[in-house]
Amino acid sequence: MFGTLLQAGYDCIPINPNETAVAGIPAFASLPEAVAATGTFDIVDVFRRSELCVEHAREAVATGASCLWLQLGVANWEAARIAADGGLAVVMDRCTAIEVNRMQRAGPA
């Protein structure tokens, strides 16, 4: 997924406290740390178990993201409510790589 987004021209910043880099891109331990170093994110793309998403929704709102995206198989209505109440678009149970590929096949609107 990460590689698909990079190949499509998206800037991707990995956030994982257990990694120092992903695909050669420096990783950050937390969303606030990444935002402090790189600026606000358009999409916070979450790959965590559904029950762990509430804190990520709060961080996405607090750091000024535009969208909270919970990956395929991940859904949490409390996290969605927090993000929506904070003005973010919300996507749940969808894969960004699948959607990018679908949009590329569809061509310009």
C-alpha atoms as a PDB file:
ATOM      1  CA  MET A   1       0.000   0.000   0.000  1.00  0.00           C
ATOM      2  CA  PHE A   2       2.707   2.490   0.990  1.00  0.00           C
ATOM      3  CA  GLY A   3       4.578   1.828  -2.256  1.00  0.00           C
ATOM      4  CA  THR A   4       1.427   2.222  -4.331  1.00  0.00           C
ATOM      5  CA  LEU A   5       0.773   5.661  -2.880  1.00  0.00           C
ATOM      6  CA  LEU A   6       4.390   6.733  -3.339  1.00  0.00           C
ATOM      7  CA  GLN A   7       4.355   5.552  -6.968  1.00  0.00           C
ATOM      8  CA  ALA A   8       1.134   7.509  -7.540  1.00  0.00           C
ATOM      9  CA  GLY A   9       2.936  10.667  -6.434  1.00  0.00           C
ATOM     10  CA  TYR A  10       1.597  11.044  -2.900  1.00  0.00           C
ATOM     11  CA  ASP A  11       3.816  12.217  -0.059  1.00  0.00           C
ATOM     12  CA  CYS A  12       3.675   9.593   2.682  1.00  0.00           C
ATOM     13  CA  ILE A  13       5.113   9.965   6.165  1.00  0.00           C
ATOM     14  CA  PRO A  14       5.297   6.744   8.191  1.00  0.00           C
ATOM     15  CA  ILE A  15       4.351   6.901  11.853  1.00  0.00           C
ATOM     16  CA  ASN A  16       5.414   3.906  13.876  1.00  0.00           C
ATOM     17  CA  PRO A  17       7.212   4.044  17.221  1.00  0.00           C
ATOM     18  CA  ASN A  18       8.915   0.737  16.394  1.00  0.00           C
ATOM     19  CA  GLU A  19      10.515   1.852  13.111  1.00  0.00           C
ATOM     20  CA  THR A  20      13.146   4.427  12.180  1.00  0.00           C
ATOM     21  CA  ALA A  21      12.326   4.327   8.455  1.00  0.00           C
ATOM     22  CA  VAL A  22       9.878   2.704   6.038  1.00  0.00           C
ATOM     23  CA  ALA A  23      10.807   2.347   2.357  1.00  0.00           C
ATOM     24  CA  GLY A  24      13.752   4.659   3.033  1.00  0.00           C
ATOM     25  CA  ILE A  25      11.524   7.417   4.440  1.00  0.00           C
ATOM     26  CA  PRO A  26      12.193   8.467   8.047  1.00  0.00           C
ATOM     27  CA  ALA A  27       9.458   7.316  10.434  1.00  0.00           C
ATOM     28  CA  PHE A  28       8.141   9.249  13.411  1.00  0.00           C
ATOM     29  CA  ALA A  29       7.040   7.877  16.764  1.00  0.00           C
ATOM     30  CA  SER A  30       3.750   9.818  16.837  1.00  0.00           C
ATOM     31  CA  LEU A  31       1.473  11.968  14.710  1.00  0.00           C
ATOM     32  CA  PRO A  32       2.190  15.155  16.709  1.00  0.00           C
ATOM     33  CA  GLU A  33       5.934  14.549  16.287  1.00  0.00           C
ATOM     34  CA  ALA A  34       5.523  14.045  12.526  1.00  0.00           C
ATOM     35  CA  VAL A  35       3.381  17.170  12.154  1.00  0.00           C
ATOM     36  CA  ALA A  36       5.922  19.235  14.117  1.00  0.00           C
ATOM     37  CA  ALA A  37       8.654  18.091  11.722  1.00  0.00           C
ATOM     38  CA  THR A  38       6.817  18.049   8.385  1.00  0.00           C
ATOM     39  CA  GLY A  39       3.633  20.116   8.671  1.00  0.00           C
ATOM     40  CA  THR A  40      -0.066  19.294   8.697  1.00  0.00           C
ATOM     41  CA  PHE A  41      -1.311  16.109   7.040  1.00  0.00           C
ATOM     42  CA  ASP A  42      -4.163  15.955   4.560  1.00  0.00           C
ATOM     43  CA  ILE A  43      -4.988  12.333   5.380  1.00  0.00           C
ATOM     44  CA  VAL A  44      -4.215  10.385   8.533  1.00  0.00           C
ATOM     45  CA  ASP A  45      -4.337   6.797   7.252  1.00  0.00           C
ATOM     46  CA  VAL A  46      -4.728   4.404  10.195  1.00  0.00           C
ATOM     47  CA  PHE A  47      -3.587   0.772  10.151  1.00  0.00           C
ATOM     48  CA  ARG A  48      -4.561  -0.285  13.676  1.00  0.00           C
ATOM     49  CA  ARG A  49      -7.153  -2.529  15.260  1.00  0.00           C
ATOM     50  CA  SER A  50     -10.532  -0.832  15.328  1.00  0.00           C
ATOM     51  CA  GLU A  51     -10.612  -0.486  19.107  1.00  0.00           C
ATOM     52  CA  LEU A  52      -7.341   1.523  19.048  1.00  0.00           C
ATOM     53  CA  CYS A  53      -8.529   4.251  16.648  1.00  0.00           C
ATOM     54  CA  VAL A  54     -10.123   6.735  19.056  1.00  0.00           C
ATOM     55  CA  GLU A  55      -6.818   8.264  20.141  1.00  0.00           C
ATOM     56  CA  HIS A  56      -5.712   8.551  16.504  1.00  0.00           C
ATOM     57  CA  ALA A  57      -8.927  10.414  15.705  1.00  0.00           C
ATOM     58  CA  ARG A  58      -8.247  12.844  18.552  1.00  0.00           C
ATOM     59  CA  GLU A  59      -4.686  13.391  17.332  1.00  0.00           C
ATOM     60  CA  ALA A  60      -5.862  13.913  13.743  1.00  0.00           C
ATOM     61  CA  VAL A  61      -8.281  16.610  14.906  1.00  0.00           C
ATOM     62  CA  ALA A  62      -5.717  18.230  17.225  1.00  0.00           C
ATOM     63  CA  THR A  63      -3.049  18.392  14.513  1.00  0.00           C
ATOM     64  CA  GLY A  64      -5.335  19.893  11.859  1.00  0.00           C
ATOM     65  CA  ALA A  65      -5.663  16.978   9.438  1.00  0.00           C
ATOM     66  CA  SER A  66      -8.337  17.090   6.743  1.00  0.00           C
ATOM     67  CA  CYS A  67      -9.338  13.424   6.744  1.00  0.00           C
ATOM     68  CA  LEU A  68      -9.253  10.395   9.024  1.00  0.00           C
ATOM     69  CA  TRP A  69      -8.986   7.240   6.909  1.00  0.00           C
ATOM     70  CA  LEU A  70      -9.379   3.855   8.605  1.00  0.00           C
ATOM     71  CA  GLN A  71      -8.037   1.077   6.437  1.00  0.00           C
ATOM     72  CA  LEU A  72      -9.796  -1.989   5.057  1.00  0.00           C
ATOM     73  CA  GLY A  73     -11.259  -4.008   7.931  1.00  0.00           C
ATOM     74  CA  VAL A  74     -11.003  -1.100  10.376  1.00  0.00           C
ATOM     75  CA  ALA A  75     -14.127   0.700  11.624  1.00  0.00           C
ATOM     76  CA  ASN A  76     -14.758   2.632  14.812  1.00  0.00           C
ATOM     77  CA  TRP A  77     -17.862   4.824  15.099  1.00  0.00           C
ATOM     78  CA  GLU A  78     -16.576   6.746  18.116  1.00  0.00           C
ATOM     79  CA  ALA A  79     -13.395   7.650  16.221  1.00  0.00           C
ATOM     80  CA  ALA A  80     -15.538   8.634  13.222  1.00  0.00           C
ATOM     81  CA  ARG A  81     -17.711  10.876  15.400  1.00  0.00           C
ATOM     82  CA  ILE A  82     -14.671  12.558  16.977  1.00  0.00           C
ATOM     83  CA  ALA A  83     -13.136  13.218  13.568  1.00  0.00           C
ATOM     84  CA  ALA A  84     -16.399  14.406  11.975  1.00  0.00           C
ATOM     85  CA  ASP A  85     -17.163  16.673  14.936  1.00  0.00           C
ATOM     86  CA  GLY A  86     -13.654  18.098  14.477  1.00  0.00           C
ATOM     87  CA  GLY A  87     -14.399  18.949  10.849  1.00  0.00           C
ATOM     88  CA  LEU A  88     -12.539  16.059   9.220  1.00  0.00           C
ATOM     89  CA  ALA A  89     -13.804  13.904   6.389  1.00  0.00           C
ATOM     90  CA  VAL A  90     -14.019  10.275   7.510  1.00  0.00           C
ATOM     91  CA  VAL A  91     -13.461   7.076   5.540  1.00  0.00           C
ATOM     92  CA  MET A  92     -13.704   3.652   7.170  1.00  0.00           C
ATOM     93  CA  ASP A  93     -13.079   0.119   5.962  1.00  0.00           C
ATOM     94  CA  ARG A  94     -11.483   1.218   2.672  1.00  0.00           C
ATOM     95  CA  CYS A  95      -7.962   0.758   1.308  1.00  0.00           C
ATOM     96  CA  THR A  96      -6.200   3.854  -0.026  1.00  0.00           C
ATOM     97  CA  ALA A  97      -4.175   1.787  -2.522  1.00  0.00           C
ATOM     98  CA  ILE A  98      -7.318   0.138  -3.917  1.00  0.00           C
ATOM     99  CA  GLU A  99      -8.992   3.543  -4.241  1.00  0.00           C
ATOM    100  CA  VAL A 100      -5.953   5.107  -5.953  1.00  0.00           C
ATOM    101  CA  ASN A 101      -5.852   2.226  -8.440  1.00  0.00           C
ATOM    102  CA  ARG A 102      -9.603   2.544  -9.044  1.00  0.00           C
ATOM    103  CA  MET A 103      -9.308   6.287  -9.696  1.00  0.00           C
ATOM    104  CA  GLN A 104      -6.371   5.781 -12.059  1.00  0.00           C
ATOM    105  CA  ARG A 105      -8.345   3.198 -14.069  1.00  0.00           C
ATOM    106  CA  ALA A 106     -11.367   5.516 -14.224  1.00  0.00           C
ATOM    107  CA  GLY A 107      -9.315   8.398 -15.626  1.00  0.00           C
ATOM    108  CA  PRO A 108     -10.177  12.095 -15.383  1.00  0.00           C
ATOM    109  CA  ALA A 109     -13.664  13.028 -14.260  1.00  0.00           C
END
